[in-house]
């Protein structure tokens, strides 16, 4: 009776384990916590390829001469596999502040810079509030997790602009780029509260986490709001608010600001990431 080649069997176990982990997070959609949806086809290809290699190695293990297993050669694969069993999947929490994620900082101005992220020559816009930069990338496409959806106009119902996770980037980009056009318009928007000590006591940012490629480049995309309500919600609180867009001068530049009329805590928030393209 032939003995199995232990060295090859270890390779098989590693390949099956990694491909199995990919399969699990793809089926459960947990993969979207780590990478942009456009990366998903490449991960599926890698998963299938590793599975096929493992199947070929099963046959090879029966015919190759047995040799001593050198575990040192596999530490780089074994350690991540062990960590998988202790890893908890969770979306980015709103309590992650601007200095905890990869957000560039600059002087306290509002800038409009050309950005060649796509063949259409998308434009990059930044709202920089007191040292924390909230980036918005314009563009007429936005991923909703199931593909690319063409976004050419705001979602307006009963003269109210509705902003949700699926149209967040486009909507804010459109409003920020055309403050005169949308001044006086009603808006409903959901997101989490971000407040900086340098903002006015009555001001805060309502934002969401934006992913360009993967979780490592998460940034906060948002718009400044003002409320006379003394019971402003604390940082990291998910809220729904309704207000009116008003032009405001911030650090010498004109930008829109939401004058809050109604606000409430969002007890069941949609915390999914938003995408610039």
C-alpha atoms as a PDB file:
ATOM      1  CA  UNK A   1       0.000   0.000   0.000  1.00  0.00           C
ATOM      2  CA  UNK A   2       1.398   3.367  -0.986  1.00  0.00           C
ATOM      3  CA  UNK A   3       1.821   6.039   1.644  1.00  0.00           C
ATOM      4  CA  UNK A   4       0.641   9.552   1.017  1.00  0.00           C
ATOM      5  CA  UNK A   5       3.254  12.236   0.562  1.00  0.00           C
ATOM      6  CA  UNK A   6       2.909  14.357   3.725  1.00  0.00           C
ATOM      7  CA  UNK A   7       4.539  17.397   2.164  1.00  0.00           C
ATOM      8  CA  UNK A   8       2.065  17.482  -0.711  1.00  0.00           C
ATOM      9  CA  UNK A   9      -0.841  16.731   1.607  1.00  0.00           C
ATOM     10  CA  UNK A  10       0.045  19.798   3.664  1.00  0.00           C
ATOM     11  CA  UNK A  11      -0.038  21.905   0.500  1.00  0.00           C
ATOM     12  CA  UNK A  12      -3.440  20.435  -0.343  1.00  0.00           C
ATOM     13  CA  UNK A  13      -4.824  21.299   3.103  1.00  0.00           C
ATOM     14  CA  UNK A  14      -3.568  24.887   2.828  1.00  0.00           C
ATOM     15  CA  UNK A  15      -5.040  25.369  -0.664  1.00  0.00           C
ATOM     16  CA  UNK A  16      -8.404  23.876   0.304  1.00  0.00           C
ATOM     17  CA  UNK A  17      -8.504  25.962   3.495  1.00  0.00           C
ATOM     18  CA  UNK A  18      -7.786  29.245   1.715  1.00  0.00           C
ATOM     19  CA  UNK A  19     -10.213  28.561  -1.130  1.00  0.00           C
ATOM     20  CA  UNK A  20     -12.824  27.449   1.414  1.00  0.00           C
ATOM     21  CA  UNK A  21     -12.409  30.696   3.346  1.00  0.00           C
ATOM     22  CA  UNK A  22     -12.830  32.707   0.149  1.00  0.00           C
ATOM     23  CA  UNK A  23     -15.948  30.712  -0.704  1.00  0.00           C
ATOM     24  CA  UNK A  24     -17.424  31.377   2.748  1.00  0.00           C
ATOM     25  CA  UNK A  25     -16.972  35.149   2.707  1.00  0.00           C
ATOM     26  CA  UNK A  26     -18.122  35.408  -0.915  1.00  0.00           C
ATOM     27  CA  UNK A  27     -21.352  33.495  -0.239  1.00  0.00           C
ATOM     28  CA  UNK A  28     -22.049  35.541   2.895  1.00  0.00           C
ATOM     29  CA  UNK A  29     -21.073  38.831   1.172  1.00  0.00           C
ATOM     30  CA  UNK A  30     -18.534  39.458   3.932  1.00  0.00           C
ATOM     31  CA  UNK A  31     -15.999  39.945   1.148  1.00  0.00           C
ATOM     32  CA  UNK A  32     -17.487  43.412   0.590  1.00  0.00           C
ATOM     33  CA  UNK A  33     -16.178  44.448   4.014  1.00  0.00           C
ATOM     34  CA  UNK A  34     -12.652  44.098   2.696  1.00  0.00           C
ATOM     35  CA  UNK A  35     -12.598  44.949  -1.009  1.00  0.00           C
ATOM     36  CA  UNK A  36     -14.451  46.945  -3.641  1.00  0.00           C
ATOM     37  CA  UNK A  37     -17.050  44.863  -5.585  1.00  0.00           C
ATOM     38  CA  UNK A  38     -15.038  45.294  -8.775  1.00  0.00           C
ATOM     39  CA  UNK A  39     -12.255  43.182  -7.159  1.00  0.00           C
ATOM     40  CA  UNK A  40     -14.650  40.275  -6.605  1.00  0.00           C
ATOM     41  CA  UNK A  41     -14.168  38.554 -10.031  1.00  0.00           C
ATOM     42  CA  UNK A  42     -10.420  38.319  -9.431  1.00  0.00           C
ATOM     43  CA  UNK A  43     -10.948  36.744  -6.012  1.00  0.00           C
ATOM     44  CA  UNK A  44     -13.396  34.206  -7.449  1.00  0.00           C
ATOM     45  CA  UNK A  45     -10.841  33.325 -10.129  1.00  0.00           C
ATOM     46  CA  UNK A  46      -8.114  32.862  -7.489  1.00  0.00           C
ATOM     47  CA  UNK A  47     -10.404  30.680  -5.366  1.00  0.00           C
ATOM     48  CA  UNK A  48     -11.272  28.384  -8.282  1.00  0.00           C
ATOM     49  CA  UNK A  49      -7.649  28.218  -9.428  1.00  0.00           C
ATOM     50  CA  UNK A  50      -6.418  27.178  -5.965  1.00  0.00           C
ATOM     51  CA  UNK A  51      -9.135  24.534  -5.731  1.00  0.00           C
ATOM     52  CA  UNK A  52      -8.127  23.045  -9.094  1.00  0.00           C
ATOM     53  CA  UNK A  53      -4.436  22.977  -8.107  1.00  0.00           C
ATOM     54  CA  UNK A  54      -5.354  21.169  -4.891  1.00  0.00           C
ATOM     55  CA  UNK A  55      -7.230  18.500  -6.879  1.00  0.00           C
ATOM     56  CA  UNK A  56      -4.199  17.892  -9.102  1.00  0.00           C
ATOM     57  CA  UNK A  57      -1.988  17.598  -6.032  1.00  0.00           C
ATOM     58  CA  UNK A  58      -4.219  14.865  -4.591  1.00  0.00           C
ATOM     59  CA  UNK A  59      -3.234  12.571  -7.449  1.00  0.00           C
ATOM     60  CA  UNK A  60       0.390  13.663  -7.275  1.00  0.00           C
ATOM     61  CA  UNK A  61       0.609  12.774  -3.574  1.00  0.00           C
ATOM     62  CA  UNK A  62       0.074   9.090  -4.414  1.00  0.00           C
ATOM     63  CA  UNK A  63       3.024   8.820  -6.796  1.00  0.00           C
ATOM     64  CA  UNK A  64       5.713  11.169  -5.538  1.00  0.00           C
ATOM     65  CA  UNK A  65       8.322   9.832  -3.170  1.00  0.00           C
ATOM     66  CA  UNK A  66       7.711  10.667   0.459  1.00  0.00           C
ATOM     67  CA  UNK A  67       9.948  13.348   1.890  1.00  0.00           C
ATOM     68  CA  UNK A  68      10.345  15.102   5.216  1.00  0.00           C
ATOM     69  CA  UNK A  69       7.972  17.978   5.780  1.00  0.00           C
ATOM     70  CA  UNK A  70       9.658  21.308   6.480  1.00  0.00           C
ATOM     71  CA  UNK A  71       7.081  23.290   8.407  1.00  0.00           C
ATOM     72  CA  UNK A  72       9.228  26.432   8.331  1.00  0.00           C
ATOM     73  CA  UNK A  73       8.473  26.706   4.631  1.00  0.00           C
ATOM     74  CA  UNK A  74       4.736  26.885   5.333  1.00  0.00           C
ATOM     75  CA  UNK A  75       4.638  29.239   8.330  1.00  0.00           C
ATOM     76  CA  UNK A  76       3.750  32.173   6.091  1.00  0.00           C
ATOM     77  CA  UNK A  77       0.587  30.290   5.048  1.00  0.00           C
ATOM     78  CA  UNK A  78      -0.257  28.516   8.312  1.00  0.00           C
ATOM     79  CA  UNK A  79      -0.259  31.625  10.539  1.00  0.00           C
ATOM     80  CA  UNK A  80      -2.896  33.499   8.459  1.00  0.00           C
ATOM     81  CA  UNK A  81      -5.044  30.351   8.370  1.00  0.00           C
ATOM     82  CA  UNK A  82      -4.927  30.094  12.155  1.00  0.00           C
ATOM     83  CA  UNK A  83      -5.841  33.782  12.469  1.00  0.00           C
ATOM     84  CA  UNK A  84      -8.901  33.218  10.299  1.00  0.00           C
ATOM     85  CA  UNK A  85     -10.522  31.190  13.080  1.00  0.00           C
ATOM     86  CA  UNK A  86     -10.166  34.095  15.515  1.00  0.00           C
ATOM     87  CA  UNK A  87     -11.092  36.860  13.114  1.00  0.00           C
ATOM     88  CA  UNK A  88     -14.426  38.576  13.494  1.00  0.00           C
ATOM     89  CA  UNK A  89     -15.974  40.167  10.440  1.00  0.00           C
ATOM     90  CA  UNK A  90     -17.379  43.605  11.039  1.00  0.00           C
ATOM     91  CA  UNK A  91     -18.060  46.693   9.016  1.00  0.00           C
ATOM     92  CA  UNK A  92     -16.055  49.794   9.792  1.00  0.00           C
ATOM     93  CA  UNK A  93     -17.435  51.483  12.853  1.00  0.00           C
ATOM     94  CA  UNK A  94     -18.389  55.114  12.835  1.00  0.00           C
ATOM     95  CA  UNK A  95     -16.234  55.647  15.914  1.00  0.00           C
ATOM     96  CA  UNK A  96     -13.161  55.344  13.674  1.00  0.00           C
ATOM     97  CA  UNK A  97     -12.055  58.964  13.448  1.00  0.00           C
ATOM     98  CA  UNK A  98     -10.320  60.726  10.614  1.00  0.00           C
ATOM     99  CA  UNK A  99      -6.926  60.206  12.216  1.00  0.00           C
ATOM    100  CA  UNK A 100      -7.541  56.463  12.537  1.00  0.00           C
ATOM    101  CA  UNK A 101      -8.004  55.841   8.830  1.00  0.00           C
ATOM    102  CA  UNK A 102      -6.161  56.833   5.713  1.00  0.00           C
ATOM    103  CA  UNK A 103      -7.455  60.352   5.243  1.00  0.00           C
ATOM    104  CA  UNK A 104      -5.020  62.940   3.903  1.00  0.00           C
ATOM    105  CA  UNK A 105      -4.857  66.263   5.687  1.00  0.00           C
ATOM    106  CA  UNK A 106      -4.253  69.675   4.296  1.00  0.00           C
ATOM    107  CA  UNK A 107      -4.823  73.330   5.035  1.00  0.00           C
ATOM    108  CA  UNK A 108      -8.347  74.331   5.947  1.00  0.00           C
ATOM    109  CA  UNK A 109      -9.607  75.164   2.480  1.00  0.00           C
ATOM    110  CA  UNK A 110     -12.017  73.669   0.017  1.00  0.00           C
ATOM    111  CA  UNK A 111     -10.307  72.471  -3.124  1.00  0.00           C
ATOM    112  CA  UNK A 112     -11.441  71.245  -6.520  1.00  0.00           C
ATOM    113  CA  UNK A 113      -8.688  69.265  -8.196  1.00  0.00           C
ATOM    114  CA  UNK A 114      -8.680  67.441 -11.511  1.00  0.00           C
ATOM    115  CA  UNK A 115      -8.495  63.693 -11.076  1.00  0.00           C
ATOM    116  CA  UNK A 116      -7.670  61.248 -13.838  1.00  0.00           C
ATOM    117  CA  UNK A 117      -9.133  58.207 -12.129  1.00  0.00           C
ATOM    118  CA  UNK A 118     -11.062  57.211 -15.241  1.00  0.00           C
ATOM    119  CA  UNK A 119     -11.118  57.768 -18.976  1.00  0.00           C
ATOM    120  CA  UNK A 120     -13.994  60.204 -18.534  1.00  0.00           C
ATOM    121  CA  UNK A 121     -11.770  62.548 -16.563  1.00  0.00           C
ATOM    122  CA  UNK A 122     -13.633  62.416 -13.267  1.00  0.00           C
ATOM    123  CA  UNK A 123     -13.101  65.341 -10.961  1.00  0.00           C
ATOM    124  CA  UNK A 124     -12.002  65.014  -7.369  1.00  0.00           C
ATOM    125  CA  UNK A 125     -13.469  67.298  -4.781  1.00  0.00           C
ATOM    126  CA  UNK A 126     -12.515  67.636  -1.160  1.00  0.00           C
ATOM    127  CA  UNK A 127     -14.261  69.178   1.777  1.00  0.00           C
ATOM    128  CA  UNK A 128     -11.524  69.928   4.228  1.00  0.00           C
ATOM    129  CA  UNK A 129     -12.854  70.824   7.628  1.00  0.00           C
ATOM    130  CA  UNK A 130     -10.344  72.015  10.204  1.00  0.00           C
ATOM    131  CA  UNK A 131      -7.596  69.615   9.327  1.00  0.00           C
ATOM    132  CA  UNK A 132      -9.754  66.585   8.512  1.00  0.00           C
ATOM    133  CA  UNK A 133     -10.284  66.010   4.815  1.00  0.00           C
ATOM    134  CA  UNK A 134     -13.508  64.430   3.613  1.00  0.00           C
ATOM    135  CA  UNK A 135     -13.006  63.394  -0.007  1.00  0.00           C
ATOM    136  CA  UNK A 136     -15.652  63.026  -2.653  1.00  0.00           C
ATOM    137  CA  UNK A 137     -14.853  61.700  -6.090  1.00  0.00           C
ATOM    138  CA  UNK A 138     -17.253  62.726  -8.776  1.00  0.00           C
ATOM    139  CA  UNK A 139     -18.285  60.522 -11.612  1.00  0.00           C
ATOM    140  CA  UNK A 140     -21.467  59.348 -13.230  1.00  0.00           C
ATOM    141  CA  UNK A 141     -21.218  55.766 -12.049  1.00  0.00           C
ATOM    142  CA  UNK A 142     -21.537  54.236  -8.635  1.00  0.00           C
ATOM    143  CA  UNK A 143     -21.466  50.604  -7.572  1.00  0.00           C
ATOM    144  CA  UNK A 144     -24.396  49.338  -5.548  1.00  0.00           C
ATOM    145  CA  UNK A 145     -22.717  46.035  -4.681  1.00  0.00           C
ATOM    146  CA  UNK A 146     -24.303  44.204  -7.580  1.00  0.00           C
ATOM    147  CA  UNK A 147     -22.788  46.028 -10.495  1.00  0.00           C
ATOM    148  CA  UNK A 148     -22.361  49.543 -11.809  1.00  0.00           C
ATOM    149  CA  UNK A 149     -25.381  51.799 -11.914  1.00  0.00           C
ATOM    150  CA  UNK A 150     -25.532  54.910 -14.072  1.00  0.00           C
ATOM    151  CA  UNK A 151     -26.291  57.953 -11.966  1.00  0.00           C
ATOM    152  CA  UNK A 152     -27.263  61.015 -13.984  1.00  0.00           C
ATOM    153  CA  UNK A 153     -29.641  62.862 -11.701  1.00  0.00           C
ATOM    154  CA  UNK A 154     -30.550  63.195  -8.055  1.00  0.00           C
ATOM    155  CA  UNK A 155     -33.314  61.136  -6.462  1.00  0.00           C
ATOM    156  CA  UNK A 156     -35.966  63.811  -5.894  1.00  0.00           C
ATOM    157  CA  UNK A 157     -39.448  62.945  -4.614  1.00  0.00           C
ATOM    158  CA  UNK A 158     -42.016  65.548  -3.573  1.00  0.00           C
ATOM    159  CA  UNK A 159     -39.335  68.220  -4.047  1.00  0.00           C
ATOM    160  CA  UNK A 160     -37.096  66.515  -1.479  1.00  0.00           C
ATOM    161  CA  UNK A 161     -33.617  65.228  -2.386  1.00  0.00           C
ATOM    162  CA  UNK A 162     -33.267  61.695  -1.040  1.00  0.00           C
ATOM    163  CA  UNK A 163     -29.711  60.573  -0.265  1.00  0.00           C
ATOM    164  CA  UNK A 164     -28.988  56.956   0.699  1.00  0.00           C
ATOM    165  CA  UNK A 165     -26.049  54.547   0.583  1.00  0.00           C
ATOM    166  CA  UNK A 166     -26.561  53.782  -3.113  1.00  0.00           C
ATOM    167  CA  UNK A 167     -26.499  57.364  -4.356  1.00  0.00           C
ATOM    168  CA  UNK A 168     -24.502  58.994  -1.560  1.00  0.00           C
ATOM    169  CA  UNK A 169     -21.311  59.866  -3.443  1.00  0.00           C
ATOM    170  CA  UNK A 170     -23.005  61.129  -6.591  1.00  0.00           C
ATOM    171  CA  UNK A 171     -25.615  63.131  -4.680  1.00  0.00           C
ATOM    172  CA  UNK A 172     -23.124  64.923  -2.470  1.00  0.00           C
ATOM    173  CA  UNK A 173     -20.752  65.494  -5.353  1.00  0.00           C
ATOM    174  CA  UNK A 174     -23.554  67.061  -7.400  1.00  0.00           C
ATOM    175  CA  UNK A 175     -24.705  69.278  -4.526  1.00  0.00           C
ATOM    176  CA  UNK A 176     -21.206  70.342  -3.506  1.00  0.00           C
ATOM    177  CA  UNK A 177     -20.360  71.210  -7.083  1.00  0.00           C
ATOM    178  CA  UNK A 178     -23.518  73.280  -7.639  1.00  0.00           C
ATOM    179  CA  UNK A 179     -24.323  75.207  -4.446  1.00  0.00           C
ATOM    180  CA  UNK A 180     -26.301  77.890  -6.341  1.00  0.00           C
ATOM    181  CA  UNK A 181     -28.479  75.314  -8.096  1.00  0.00           C
ATOM    182  CA  UNK A 182     -29.554  73.539  -4.915  1.00  0.00           C
ATOM    183  CA  UNK A 183     -29.778  76.434  -2.471  1.00  0.00           C
ATOM    184  CA  UNK A 184     -33.123  76.319  -0.681  1.00  0.00           C
ATOM    185  CA  UNK A 185     -33.824  72.697  -1.656  1.00  0.00           C
ATOM    186  CA  UNK A 186     -35.043  70.224   0.941  1.00  0.00           C
ATOM    187  CA  UNK A 187     -32.851  67.163   1.562  1.00  0.00           C
ATOM    188  CA  UNK A 188     -33.146  63.922   3.505  1.00  0.00           C
ATOM    189  CA  UNK A 189     -29.933  62.040   4.290  1.00  0.00           C
ATOM    190  CA  UNK A 190     -28.670  59.303   6.606  1.00  0.00           C
ATOM    191  CA  UNK A 191     -25.169  58.780   7.927  1.00  0.00           C
ATOM    192  CA  UNK A 192     -23.100  59.014  11.072  1.00  0.00           C
ATOM    193  CA  UNK A 193     -22.163  62.117  13.012  1.00  0.00           C
ATOM    194  CA  UNK A 194     -18.598  63.363  12.905  1.00  0.00           C
ATOM    195  CA  UNK A 195     -17.721  66.432  14.971  1.00  0.00           C
ATOM    196  CA  UNK A 196     -14.403  68.190  15.255  1.00  0.00           C
ATOM    197  CA  UNK A 197     -13.455  70.491  18.113  1.00  0.00           C
ATOM    198  CA  UNK A 198     -12.670  73.245  15.603  1.00  0.00           C
ATOM    199  CA  UNK A 199     -16.153  73.199  14.087  1.00  0.00           C
ATOM    200  CA  UNK A 200     -18.785  75.496  15.541  1.00  0.00           C
ATOM    201  CA  UNK A 201     -20.688  74.060  18.474  1.00  0.00           C
ATOM    202  CA  UNK A 202     -23.806  73.833  16.323  1.00  0.00           C
ATOM    203  CA  UNK A 203     -22.030  72.155  13.372  1.00  0.00           C
ATOM    204  CA  UNK A 204     -21.195  68.565  12.505  1.00  0.00           C
ATOM    205  CA  UNK A 205     -20.481  66.395   9.478  1.00  0.00           C
ATOM    206  CA  UNK A 206     -22.941  63.743   8.378  1.00  0.00           C
ATOM    207  CA  UNK A 207     -20.882  61.113   6.595  1.00  0.00           C
ATOM    208  CA  UNK A 208     -20.253  57.584   5.465  1.00  0.00           C
ATOM    209  CA  UNK A 209     -17.184  55.462   4.859  1.00  0.00           C
ATOM    210  CA  UNK A 210     -16.084  55.479   1.235  1.00  0.00           C
ATOM    211  CA  UNK A 211     -13.986  52.662  -0.246  1.00  0.00           C
ATOM    212  CA  UNK A 212     -11.908  53.243  -3.367  1.00  0.00           C
ATOM    213  CA  UNK A 213     -10.216  49.836  -3.552  1.00  0.00           C
ATOM    214  CA  UNK A 214     -10.132  48.022  -0.208  1.00  0.00           C
ATOM    215  CA  UNK A 215     -10.632  48.505   3.526  1.00  0.00           C
ATOM    216  CA  UNK A 216      -7.137  49.965   3.877  1.00  0.00           C
ATOM    217  CA  UNK A 217      -8.138  53.110   1.971  1.00  0.00           C
ATOM    218  CA  UNK A 218     -11.452  53.840   3.723  1.00  0.00           C
ATOM    219  CA  UNK A 219     -12.170  57.559   3.927  1.00  0.00           C
ATOM    220  CA  UNK A 220     -14.999  59.642   5.305  1.00  0.00           C
ATOM    221  CA  UNK A 221     -17.231  61.294   2.724  1.00  0.00           C
ATOM    222  CA  UNK A 222     -19.715  63.791   4.037  1.00  0.00           C
ATOM    223  CA  UNK A 223     -21.262  67.250   4.142  1.00  0.00           C
ATOM    224  CA  UNK A 224     -21.375  69.896   6.855  1.00  0.00           C
ATOM    225  CA  UNK A 225     -24.609  70.455   8.744  1.00  0.00           C
ATOM    226  CA  UNK A 226     -25.831  73.020  11.255  1.00  0.00           C
ATOM    227  CA  UNK A 227     -28.485  72.576  13.911  1.00  0.00           C
ATOM    228  CA  UNK A 228     -29.864  74.795  16.646  1.00  0.00           C
ATOM    229  CA  UNK A 229     -30.804  71.714  18.626  1.00  0.00           C
ATOM    230  CA  UNK A 230     -28.729  71.801  21.800  1.00  0.00           C
ATOM    231  CA  UNK A 231     -29.095  68.041  22.112  1.00  0.00           C
ATOM    232  CA  UNK A 232     -26.844  67.301  19.172  1.00  0.00           C
ATOM    233  CA  UNK A 233     -26.006  63.657  18.903  1.00  0.00           C
ATOM    234  CA  UNK A 234     -22.500  62.615  19.835  1.00  0.00           C
ATOM    235  CA  UNK A 235     -19.801  61.508  17.438  1.00  0.00           C
ATOM    236  CA  UNK A 236     -20.399  58.145  15.775  1.00  0.00           C
ATOM    237  CA  UNK A 237     -24.185  58.216  16.176  1.00  0.00           C
ATOM    238  CA  UNK A 238     -26.107  57.101  13.086  1.00  0.00           C
ATOM    239  CA  UNK A 239     -28.891  59.545  12.313  1.00  0.00           C
ATOM    240  CA  UNK A 240     -31.562  60.451   9.787  1.00  0.00           C
ATOM    241  CA  UNK A 241     -32.050  64.116   9.147  1.00  0.00           C
ATOM    242  CA  UNK A 242     -34.094  66.448   7.018  1.00  0.00           C
ATOM    243  CA  UNK A 243     -33.074  69.982   6.285  1.00  0.00           C
ATOM    244  CA  UNK A 244     -32.646  72.756   3.776  1.00  0.00           C
ATOM    245  CA  UNK A 245     -29.527  73.407   1.718  1.00  0.00           C
ATOM    246  CA  UNK A 246     -28.004  76.826   2.179  1.00  0.00           C
ATOM    247  CA  UNK A 247     -24.920  78.504   0.744  1.00  0.00           C
ATOM    248  CA  UNK A 248     -22.287  79.258   3.340  1.00  0.00           C
ATOM    249  CA  UNK A 249     -18.789  80.702   3.375  1.00  0.00           C
ATOM    250  CA  UNK A 250     -16.247  78.400   4.954  1.00  0.00           C
ATOM    251  CA  UNK A 251     -12.603  79.403   5.182  1.00  0.00           C
ATOM    252  CA  UNK A 252     -13.112  81.947   2.423  1.00  0.00           C
ATOM    253  CA  UNK A 253     -14.849  79.604  -0.025  1.00  0.00           C
ATOM    254  CA  UNK A 254     -18.529  79.136  -0.850  1.00  0.00           C
ATOM    255  CA  UNK A 255     -19.968  75.711  -0.062  1.00  0.00           C
ATOM    256  CA  UNK A 256     -23.394  74.245   0.687  1.00  0.00           C
ATOM    257  CA  UNK A 257     -24.410  73.431   4.226  1.00  0.00           C
ATOM    258  CA  UNK A 258     -27.519  71.617   5.474  1.00  0.00           C
ATOM    259  CA  UNK A 259     -29.639  73.606   7.908  1.00  0.00           C
ATOM    260  CA  UNK A 260     -31.174  70.803   9.965  1.00  0.00           C
ATOM    261  CA  UNK A 261     -34.930  70.930  10.513  1.00  0.00           C
ATOM    262  CA  UNK A 262     -35.603  67.392  11.758  1.00  0.00           C
ATOM    263  CA  UNK A 263     -33.222  64.769  13.126  1.00  0.00           C
ATOM    264  CA  UNK A 264     -33.578  61.378  14.754  1.00  0.00           C
ATOM    265  CA  UNK A 265     -31.398  58.428  15.619  1.00  0.00           C
ATOM    266  CA  UNK A 266     -31.271  55.678  12.993  1.00  0.00           C
ATOM    267  CA  UNK A 267     -32.022  52.545  14.980  1.00  0.00           C
ATOM    268  CA  UNK A 268     -31.310  50.232  12.046  1.00  0.00           C
ATOM    269  CA  UNK A 269     -28.694  52.014   9.933  1.00  0.00           C
ATOM    270  CA  UNK A 270     -27.456  50.845   6.558  1.00  0.00           C
ATOM    271  CA  UNK A 271     -23.723  50.891   7.357  1.00  0.00           C
ATOM    272  CA  UNK A 272     -22.578  49.582   3.975  1.00  0.00           C
ATOM    273  CA  UNK A 273     -19.702  51.396   2.359  1.00  0.00           C
ATOM    274  CA  UNK A 274     -20.128  53.798  -0.534  1.00  0.00           C
ATOM    275  CA  UNK A 275     -17.992  53.797  -3.667  1.00  0.00           C
ATOM    276  CA  UNK A 276     -16.759  56.623  -5.902  1.00  0.00           C
ATOM    277  CA  UNK A 277     -16.960  54.403  -9.012  1.00  0.00           C
END
